[in-house]
């Protein structure tokens, strides 16, 4: 037997094909779109709040300007729902309140606050608060996890989600979980599950992913997605 060292066999990894490069490009585009949608939601979206929270923020001096959509003239007799919009720190908020002429009660039977006018009510807590009133135009919106987003984000979210589904079906076998497992994570726990698929499944690389060990299956992923969805909603409610 020769004394020369025998080289250990090596596994040659094939070069990325055109389809692999296309899947990788789509994955990076999806990641950029997801980040853009999240930033848009935080910047221009409005979190659903309460009129009581607005009163408290005005009294503390945290809010010095408010926009009111809707309402009625001073000579009008009756009541009407209006929406108040304000910014407290980084985030925007909106809440519903009822204006009633003359004011006979302080809240409706459903518990919604009733005031004669938002301007007069907030001035009692801070005379320097500026209230701008705009016509009631009933704008369409897309509500996600208690946030009201511009209507166009609904179509954008659908396009991103559908493209991610096509990538899951037509792309290479994903890492860390089966296709069914990633499907349940993507659609039952958005946006966490969707971002996890894009970042962790290997689609961001043009080289076919190497499978190591066992992968998460569909049944366990369905249960995990439910837990992740509840936890994400709780975190948003507590800290955002």
C-alpha atoms as a PDB file:
ATOM      1  CA  UNK A   1       0.000   0.000   0.000  1.00  0.00           C
ATOM      2  CA  UNK A   2       1.371   3.404  -0.944  1.00  0.00           C
ATOM      3  CA  UNK A   3       2.550   5.635   1.848  1.00  0.00           C
ATOM      4  CA  UNK A   4       1.098   8.651   0.094  1.00  0.00           C
ATOM      5  CA  UNK A   5      -1.754  10.315   1.890  1.00  0.00           C
ATOM      6  CA  UNK A   6      -5.082   9.457   0.362  1.00  0.00           C
ATOM      7  CA  UNK A   7      -7.264  12.516   0.039  1.00  0.00           C
ATOM      8  CA  UNK A   8     -10.677  12.221   1.645  1.00  0.00           C
ATOM      9  CA  UNK A   9     -13.565  12.345  -0.798  1.00  0.00           C
ATOM     10  CA  UNK A  10     -15.177  15.747  -0.995  1.00  0.00           C
ATOM     11  CA  UNK A  11     -18.682  16.692  -1.972  1.00  0.00           C
ATOM     12  CA  UNK A  12     -18.724  19.221  -4.765  1.00  0.00           C
ATOM     13  CA  UNK A  13     -21.534  21.707  -4.503  1.00  0.00           C
ATOM     14  CA  UNK A  14     -23.072  22.564  -7.857  1.00  0.00           C
ATOM     15  CA  UNK A  15     -23.007  26.096  -9.089  1.00  0.00           C
ATOM     16  CA  UNK A  16     -26.159  28.187  -8.727  1.00  0.00           C
ATOM     17  CA  UNK A  17     -28.470  27.940 -11.696  1.00  0.00           C
ATOM     18  CA  UNK A  18     -30.534  30.704 -13.235  1.00  0.00           C
ATOM     19  CA  UNK A  19     -33.602  29.542 -11.293  1.00  0.00           C
ATOM     20  CA  UNK A  20     -31.661  29.657  -8.014  1.00  0.00           C
ATOM     21  CA  UNK A  21     -30.557  33.228  -8.730  1.00  0.00           C
ATOM     22  CA  UNK A  22     -34.140  34.205  -9.575  1.00  0.00           C
ATOM     23  CA  UNK A  23     -35.480  32.717  -6.311  1.00  0.00           C
ATOM     24  CA  UNK A  24     -32.737  34.505  -4.382  1.00  0.00           C
ATOM     25  CA  UNK A  25     -33.555  37.844  -6.007  1.00  0.00           C
ATOM     26  CA  UNK A  26     -37.267  37.443  -5.261  1.00  0.00           C
ATOM     27  CA  UNK A  27     -36.470  36.576  -1.641  1.00  0.00           C
ATOM     28  CA  UNK A  28     -34.363  39.703  -1.181  1.00  0.00           C
ATOM     29  CA  UNK A  29     -37.094  41.819  -2.794  1.00  0.00           C
ATOM     30  CA  UNK A  30     -39.639  40.315  -0.363  1.00  0.00           C
ATOM     31  CA  UNK A  31     -37.395  41.102   2.603  1.00  0.00           C
ATOM     32  CA  UNK A  32     -37.025  44.732   1.499  1.00  0.00           C
ATOM     33  CA  UNK A  33     -40.795  45.034   0.961  1.00  0.00           C
ATOM     34  CA  UNK A  34     -41.527  43.561   4.402  1.00  0.00           C
ATOM     35  CA  UNK A  35     -39.202  46.025   6.105  1.00  0.00           C
ATOM     36  CA  UNK A  36     -40.699  48.896   4.097  1.00  0.00           C
ATOM     37  CA  UNK A  37     -44.255  47.903   5.076  1.00  0.00           C
ATOM     38  CA  UNK A  38     -43.310  47.639   8.752  1.00  0.00           C
ATOM     39  CA  UNK A  39     -41.634  51.055   8.728  1.00  0.00           C
ATOM     40  CA  UNK A  40     -44.627  52.544   6.882  1.00  0.00           C
ATOM     41  CA  UNK A  41     -46.990  51.132   9.480  1.00  0.00           C
ATOM     42  CA  UNK A  42     -45.026  52.682  12.336  1.00  0.00           C
ATOM     43  CA  UNK A  43     -44.618  56.068  10.610  1.00  0.00           C
ATOM     44  CA  UNK A  44     -48.036  56.724   9.035  1.00  0.00           C
ATOM     45  CA  UNK A  45     -50.229  54.151  10.762  1.00  0.00           C
ATOM     46  CA  UNK A  46     -52.519  55.038  13.659  1.00  0.00           C
ATOM     47  CA  UNK A  47     -52.962  52.876  16.714  1.00  0.00           C
ATOM     48  CA  UNK A  48     -56.502  52.540  18.027  1.00  0.00           C
ATOM     49  CA  UNK A  49     -56.706  54.234  21.442  1.00  0.00           C
ATOM     50  CA  UNK A  50     -59.351  55.867  23.640  1.00  0.00           C
ATOM     51  CA  UNK A  51     -60.517  59.426  24.179  1.00  0.00           C
ATOM     52  CA  UNK A  52     -59.644  59.053  27.851  1.00  0.00           C
ATOM     53  CA  UNK A  53     -56.005  58.436  26.893  1.00  0.00           C
ATOM     54  CA  UNK A  54     -56.059  61.629  24.812  1.00  0.00           C
ATOM     55  CA  UNK A  55     -57.460  63.643  27.718  1.00  0.00           C
ATOM     56  CA  UNK A  56     -54.704  62.336  29.985  1.00  0.00           C
ATOM     57  CA  UNK A  57     -51.978  63.072  27.406  1.00  0.00           C
ATOM     58  CA  UNK A  58     -53.252  66.636  26.919  1.00  0.00           C
ATOM     59  CA  UNK A  59     -53.377  67.207  30.677  1.00  0.00           C
ATOM     60  CA  UNK A  60     -49.750  66.008  30.979  1.00  0.00           C
ATOM     61  CA  UNK A  61     -48.670  68.320  28.185  1.00  0.00           C
ATOM     62  CA  UNK A  62     -47.576  65.452  25.914  1.00  0.00           C
ATOM     63  CA  UNK A  63     -50.009  66.457  23.138  1.00  0.00           C
ATOM     64  CA  UNK A  64     -50.378  70.032  21.919  1.00  0.00           C
ATOM     65  CA  UNK A  65     -52.281  69.532  18.645  1.00  0.00           C
ATOM     66  CA  UNK A  66     -55.240  67.367  17.652  1.00  0.00           C
ATOM     67  CA  UNK A  67     -57.059  66.772  14.363  1.00  0.00           C
ATOM     68  CA  UNK A  68     -60.806  66.119  14.434  1.00  0.00           C
ATOM     69  CA  UNK A  69     -62.592  64.581  11.444  1.00  0.00           C
ATOM     70  CA  UNK A  70     -66.329  65.047  11.387  1.00  0.00           C
ATOM     71  CA  UNK A  71     -68.599  66.868  13.797  1.00  0.00           C
ATOM     72  CA  UNK A  72     -71.334  69.426  13.315  1.00  0.00           C
ATOM     73  CA  UNK A  73     -71.987  73.146  13.463  1.00  0.00           C
ATOM     74  CA  UNK A  74     -72.816  74.932  16.704  1.00  0.00           C
ATOM     75  CA  UNK A  75     -76.444  75.491  15.637  1.00  0.00           C
ATOM     76  CA  UNK A  76     -77.052  71.801  14.911  1.00  0.00           C
ATOM     77  CA  UNK A  77     -79.147  69.848  17.417  1.00  0.00           C
ATOM     78  CA  UNK A  78     -78.366  66.167  17.778  1.00  0.00           C
ATOM     79  CA  UNK A  79     -75.256  64.055  18.038  1.00  0.00           C
ATOM     80  CA  UNK A  80     -72.631  62.649  15.735  1.00  0.00           C
ATOM     81  CA  UNK A  81     -69.604  60.368  15.956  1.00  0.00           C
ATOM     82  CA  UNK A  82     -66.247  62.036  15.329  1.00  0.00           C
ATOM     83  CA  UNK A  83     -62.685  60.739  15.193  1.00  0.00           C
ATOM     84  CA  UNK A  84     -59.774  62.445  16.916  1.00  0.00           C
ATOM     85  CA  UNK A  85     -56.198  61.962  15.692  1.00  0.00           C
ATOM     86  CA  UNK A  86     -53.032  62.869  17.557  1.00  0.00           C
ATOM     87  CA  UNK A  87     -49.343  62.073  17.909  1.00  0.00           C
ATOM     88  CA  UNK A  88     -47.780  61.141  21.235  1.00  0.00           C
ATOM     89  CA  UNK A  89     -44.038  60.685  20.898  1.00  0.00           C
ATOM     90  CA  UNK A  90     -43.176  58.600  17.843  1.00  0.00           C
ATOM     91  CA  UNK A  91     -46.569  57.010  17.201  1.00  0.00           C
ATOM     92  CA  UNK A  92     -49.904  58.273  15.909  1.00  0.00           C
ATOM     93  CA  UNK A  93     -53.213  57.437  17.592  1.00  0.00           C
ATOM     94  CA  UNK A  94     -56.916  57.745  16.857  1.00  0.00           C
ATOM     95  CA  UNK A  95     -60.047  57.400  18.980  1.00  0.00           C
ATOM     96  CA  UNK A  96     -63.799  57.752  18.676  1.00  0.00           C
ATOM     97  CA  UNK A  97     -65.926  60.258  20.606  1.00  0.00           C
ATOM     98  CA  UNK A  98     -69.498  61.569  20.313  1.00  0.00           C
ATOM     99  CA  UNK A  99     -70.370  65.265  20.031  1.00  0.00           C
ATOM    100  CA  UNK A 100     -73.896  66.114  21.194  1.00  0.00           C
ATOM    101  CA  UNK A 101     -75.814  69.414  21.072  1.00  0.00           C
ATOM    102  CA  UNK A 102     -77.063  69.959  23.719  1.00  0.00           C
ATOM    103  CA  UNK A 103     -74.965  67.604  25.843  1.00  0.00           C
ATOM    104  CA  UNK A 104     -77.322  65.500  27.982  1.00  0.00           C
ATOM    105  CA  UNK A 105     -74.929  62.803  29.177  1.00  0.00           C
ATOM    106  CA  UNK A 106     -71.209  62.135  29.499  1.00  0.00           C
ATOM    107  CA  UNK A 107     -71.179  58.771  27.727  1.00  0.00           C
ATOM    108  CA  UNK A 108     -73.380  56.611  25.551  1.00  0.00           C
ATOM    109  CA  UNK A 109     -74.960  53.353  26.689  1.00  0.00           C
ATOM    110  CA  UNK A 110     -72.094  51.540  24.957  1.00  0.00           C
ATOM    111  CA  UNK A 111     -69.589  53.514  27.051  1.00  0.00           C
ATOM    112  CA  UNK A 112     -68.345  55.895  24.355  1.00  0.00           C
ATOM    113  CA  UNK A 113     -67.510  59.395  25.714  1.00  0.00           C
ATOM    114  CA  UNK A 114     -69.926  62.233  24.899  1.00  0.00           C
ATOM    115  CA  UNK A 115     -68.816  65.883  24.754  1.00  0.00           C
ATOM    116  CA  UNK A 116     -70.375  69.112  23.496  1.00  0.00           C
ATOM    117  CA  UNK A 117     -67.279  69.803  21.390  1.00  0.00           C
ATOM    118  CA  UNK A 118     -63.774  68.358  21.345  1.00  0.00           C
ATOM    119  CA  UNK A 119     -62.282  71.866  21.306  1.00  0.00           C
ATOM    120  CA  UNK A 120     -64.039  72.925  24.484  1.00  0.00           C
ATOM    121  CA  UNK A 121     -63.467  69.654  26.293  1.00  0.00           C
ATOM    122  CA  UNK A 122     -59.711  69.561  25.646  1.00  0.00           C
ATOM    123  CA  UNK A 123     -59.336  73.292  26.414  1.00  0.00           C
ATOM    124  CA  UNK A 124     -60.493  72.553  29.972  1.00  0.00           C
ATOM    125  CA  UNK A 125     -57.380  70.367  30.379  1.00  0.00           C
ATOM    126  CA  UNK A 126     -54.929  72.575  28.449  1.00  0.00           C
ATOM    127  CA  UNK A 127     -55.967  75.942  27.070  1.00  0.00           C
ATOM    128  CA  UNK A 128     -53.013  75.907  24.681  1.00  0.00           C
ATOM    129  CA  UNK A 129     -53.969  72.758  22.772  1.00  0.00           C
ATOM    130  CA  UNK A 130     -54.659  73.394  19.068  1.00  0.00           C
ATOM    131  CA  UNK A 131     -57.605  71.544  17.531  1.00  0.00           C
ATOM    132  CA  UNK A 132     -57.917  71.383  13.740  1.00  0.00           C
ATOM    133  CA  UNK A 133     -61.227  70.233  12.299  1.00  0.00           C
ATOM    134  CA  UNK A 134     -61.470  68.565   8.900  1.00  0.00           C
ATOM    135  CA  UNK A 135     -64.458  67.269   6.872  1.00  0.00           C
ATOM    136  CA  UNK A 136     -65.705  63.798   7.627  1.00  0.00           C
ATOM    137  CA  UNK A 137     -64.499  61.890   4.548  1.00  0.00           C
ATOM    138  CA  UNK A 138     -64.763  58.293   5.870  1.00  0.00           C
ATOM    139  CA  UNK A 139     -61.381  57.170   4.510  1.00  0.00           C
ATOM    140  CA  UNK A 140     -60.864  53.472   3.866  1.00  0.00           C
ATOM    141  CA  UNK A 141     -58.190  51.800   5.949  1.00  0.00           C
ATOM    142  CA  UNK A 142     -56.542  48.460   6.586  1.00  0.00           C
ATOM    143  CA  UNK A 143     -56.545  47.409  10.256  1.00  0.00           C
ATOM    144  CA  UNK A 144     -53.773  45.065  11.444  1.00  0.00           C
ATOM    145  CA  UNK A 145     -53.175  44.202  15.116  1.00  0.00           C
ATOM    146  CA  UNK A 146     -55.120  47.290  16.228  1.00  0.00           C
ATOM    147  CA  UNK A 147     -53.297  49.631  13.804  1.00  0.00           C
ATOM    148  CA  UNK A 148     -55.114  51.553  11.079  1.00  0.00           C
ATOM    149  CA  UNK A 149     -52.953  51.663   7.955  1.00  0.00           C
ATOM    150  CA  UNK A 150     -53.521  53.349   4.577  1.00  0.00           C
ATOM    151  CA  UNK A 151     -55.769  51.345   2.267  1.00  0.00           C
ATOM    152  CA  UNK A 152     -52.985  50.679  -0.255  1.00  0.00           C
ATOM    153  CA  UNK A 153     -51.105  48.608   2.323  1.00  0.00           C
ATOM    154  CA  UNK A 154     -53.816  45.941   2.035  1.00  0.00           C
ATOM    155  CA  UNK A 155     -53.052  45.368  -1.656  1.00  0.00           C
ATOM    156  CA  UNK A 156     -49.299  45.568  -1.033  1.00  0.00           C
ATOM    157  CA  UNK A 157     -49.544  42.993   1.759  1.00  0.00           C
ATOM    158  CA  UNK A 158     -51.529  40.642  -0.498  1.00  0.00           C
ATOM    159  CA  UNK A 159     -48.941  40.895  -3.298  1.00  0.00           C
ATOM    160  CA  UNK A 160     -46.047  40.262  -0.896  1.00  0.00           C
ATOM    161  CA  UNK A 161     -47.843  37.337   0.744  1.00  0.00           C
ATOM    162  CA  UNK A 162     -48.858  35.719  -2.553  1.00  0.00           C
ATOM    163  CA  UNK A 163     -45.324  36.098  -3.932  1.00  0.00           C
ATOM    164  CA  UNK A 164     -43.941  34.472  -0.774  1.00  0.00           C
ATOM    165  CA  UNK A 165     -46.353  31.551  -1.240  1.00  0.00           C
ATOM    166  CA  UNK A 166     -45.179  31.049  -4.838  1.00  0.00           C
ATOM    167  CA  UNK A 167     -41.566  31.166  -3.641  1.00  0.00           C
ATOM    168  CA  UNK A 168     -42.318  28.525  -1.019  1.00  0.00           C
ATOM    169  CA  UNK A 169     -43.939  26.239  -3.609  1.00  0.00           C
ATOM    170  CA  UNK A 170     -41.508  26.661  -6.500  1.00  0.00           C
ATOM    171  CA  UNK A 171     -38.263  27.252  -4.623  1.00  0.00           C
ATOM    172  CA  UNK A 172     -35.789  24.663  -3.369  1.00  0.00           C
ATOM    173  CA  UNK A 173     -36.641  22.532  -0.310  1.00  0.00           C
ATOM    174  CA  UNK A 174     -36.435  24.986   2.613  1.00  0.00           C
ATOM    175  CA  UNK A 175     -34.167  24.646   5.608  1.00  0.00           C
ATOM    176  CA  UNK A 176     -35.203  23.987   9.202  1.00  0.00           C
ATOM    177  CA  UNK A 177     -38.843  23.166   8.386  1.00  0.00           C
ATOM    178  CA  UNK A 178     -40.917  21.437   5.722  1.00  0.00           C
ATOM    179  CA  UNK A 179     -42.930  23.374   3.156  1.00  0.00           C
ATOM    180  CA  UNK A 180     -46.151  22.726   5.086  1.00  0.00           C
ATOM    181  CA  UNK A 181     -44.506  23.887   8.310  1.00  0.00           C
ATOM    182  CA  UNK A 182     -43.370  27.146   6.735  1.00  0.00           C
ATOM    183  CA  UNK A 183     -46.838  27.571   5.224  1.00  0.00           C
ATOM    184  CA  UNK A 184     -48.511  27.455   8.638  1.00  0.00           C
ATOM    185  CA  UNK A 185     -45.932  29.795  10.156  1.00  0.00           C
ATOM    186  CA  UNK A 186     -46.285  32.294   7.294  1.00  0.00           C
ATOM    187  CA  UNK A 187     -50.081  32.467   7.272  1.00  0.00           C
ATOM    188  CA  UNK A 188     -51.004  31.840  10.893  1.00  0.00           C
ATOM    189  CA  UNK A 189     -48.414  34.067  12.574  1.00  0.00           C
ATOM    190  CA  UNK A 190     -47.752  37.043  10.267  1.00  0.00           C
ATOM    191  CA  UNK A 191     -45.555  39.018  10.021  1.00  0.00           C
ATOM    192  CA  UNK A 192     -43.195  37.064  12.321  1.00  0.00           C
ATOM    193  CA  UNK A 193     -43.671  33.748  10.524  1.00  0.00           C
ATOM    194  CA  UNK A 194     -43.306  35.336   7.091  1.00  0.00           C
ATOM    195  CA  UNK A 195     -40.089  37.131   8.038  1.00  0.00           C
ATOM    196  CA  UNK A 196     -38.771  33.917   9.617  1.00  0.00           C
ATOM    197  CA  UNK A 197     -39.335  32.078   6.328  1.00  0.00           C
ATOM    198  CA  UNK A 198     -37.498  34.700   4.294  1.00  0.00           C
ATOM    199  CA  UNK A 199     -34.555  34.958   6.703  1.00  0.00           C
ATOM    200  CA  UNK A 200     -34.162  31.393   8.022  1.00  0.00           C
ATOM    201  CA  UNK A 201     -35.328  29.020   5.265  1.00  0.00           C
ATOM    202  CA  UNK A 202     -32.298  29.544   3.033  1.00  0.00           C
ATOM    203  CA  UNK A 203     -34.079  31.367   0.188  1.00  0.00           C
ATOM    204  CA  UNK A 204     -31.774  34.397   0.516  1.00  0.00           C
ATOM    205  CA  UNK A 205     -28.844  32.326  -0.748  1.00  0.00           C
ATOM    206  CA  UNK A 206     -28.494  31.329  -4.435  1.00  0.00           C
ATOM    207  CA  UNK A 207     -26.941  27.993  -3.466  1.00  0.00           C
ATOM    208  CA  UNK A 208     -29.268  25.073  -2.725  1.00  0.00           C
ATOM    209  CA  UNK A 209     -29.538  24.724   1.068  1.00  0.00           C
ATOM    210  CA  UNK A 210     -27.941  21.696   2.687  1.00  0.00           C
ATOM    211  CA  UNK A 211     -30.316  19.784   4.932  1.00  0.00           C
ATOM    212  CA  UNK A 212     -28.953  18.951   8.378  1.00  0.00           C
ATOM    213  CA  UNK A 213     -30.910  16.972  10.951  1.00  0.00           C
ATOM    214  CA  UNK A 214     -34.651  16.857  11.391  1.00  0.00           C
ATOM    215  CA  UNK A 215     -36.962  19.596  10.197  1.00  0.00           C
ATOM    216  CA  UNK A 216     -40.040  21.066  11.846  1.00  0.00           C
ATOM    217  CA  UNK A 217     -43.186  19.399  10.504  1.00  0.00           C
ATOM    218  CA  UNK A 218     -46.571  20.883   9.659  1.00  0.00           C
ATOM    219  CA  UNK A 219     -48.470  19.811  12.785  1.00  0.00           C
ATOM    220  CA  UNK A 220     -45.928  21.195  15.234  1.00  0.00           C
ATOM    221  CA  UNK A 221     -45.565  24.342  13.142  1.00  0.00           C
ATOM    222  CA  UNK A 222     -49.339  24.940  13.304  1.00  0.00           C
ATOM    223  CA  UNK A 223     -49.257  24.803  17.116  1.00  0.00           C
ATOM    224  CA  UNK A 224     -46.131  26.958  17.260  1.00  0.00           C
ATOM    225  CA  UNK A 225     -47.699  29.543  14.941  1.00  0.00           C
ATOM    226  CA  UNK A 226     -50.669  29.940  17.290  1.00  0.00           C
ATOM    227  CA  UNK A 227     -48.370  30.586  20.246  1.00  0.00           C
ATOM    228  CA  UNK A 228     -46.227  33.036  18.267  1.00  0.00           C
ATOM    229  CA  UNK A 229     -49.297  34.948  17.048  1.00  0.00           C
ATOM    230  CA  UNK A 230     -50.689  35.378  20.563  1.00  0.00           C
ATOM    231  CA  UNK A 231     -47.290  36.395  21.961  1.00  0.00           C
ATOM    232  CA  UNK A 232     -46.727  38.938  19.179  1.00  0.00           C
ATOM    233  CA  UNK A 233     -50.136  40.540  19.777  1.00  0.00           C
ATOM    234  CA  UNK A 234     -49.416  40.737  23.521  1.00  0.00           C
ATOM    235  CA  UNK A 235     -46.030  42.381  22.926  1.00  0.00           C
ATOM    236  CA  UNK A 236     -47.568  44.974  20.599  1.00  0.00           C
ATOM    237  CA  UNK A 237     -50.301  45.768  23.081  1.00  0.00           C
ATOM    238  CA  UNK A 238     -47.820  46.163  25.949  1.00  0.00           C
ATOM    239  CA  UNK A 239     -44.949  48.066  24.376  1.00  0.00           C
ATOM    240  CA  UNK A 240     -46.145  49.750  21.156  1.00  0.00           C
END
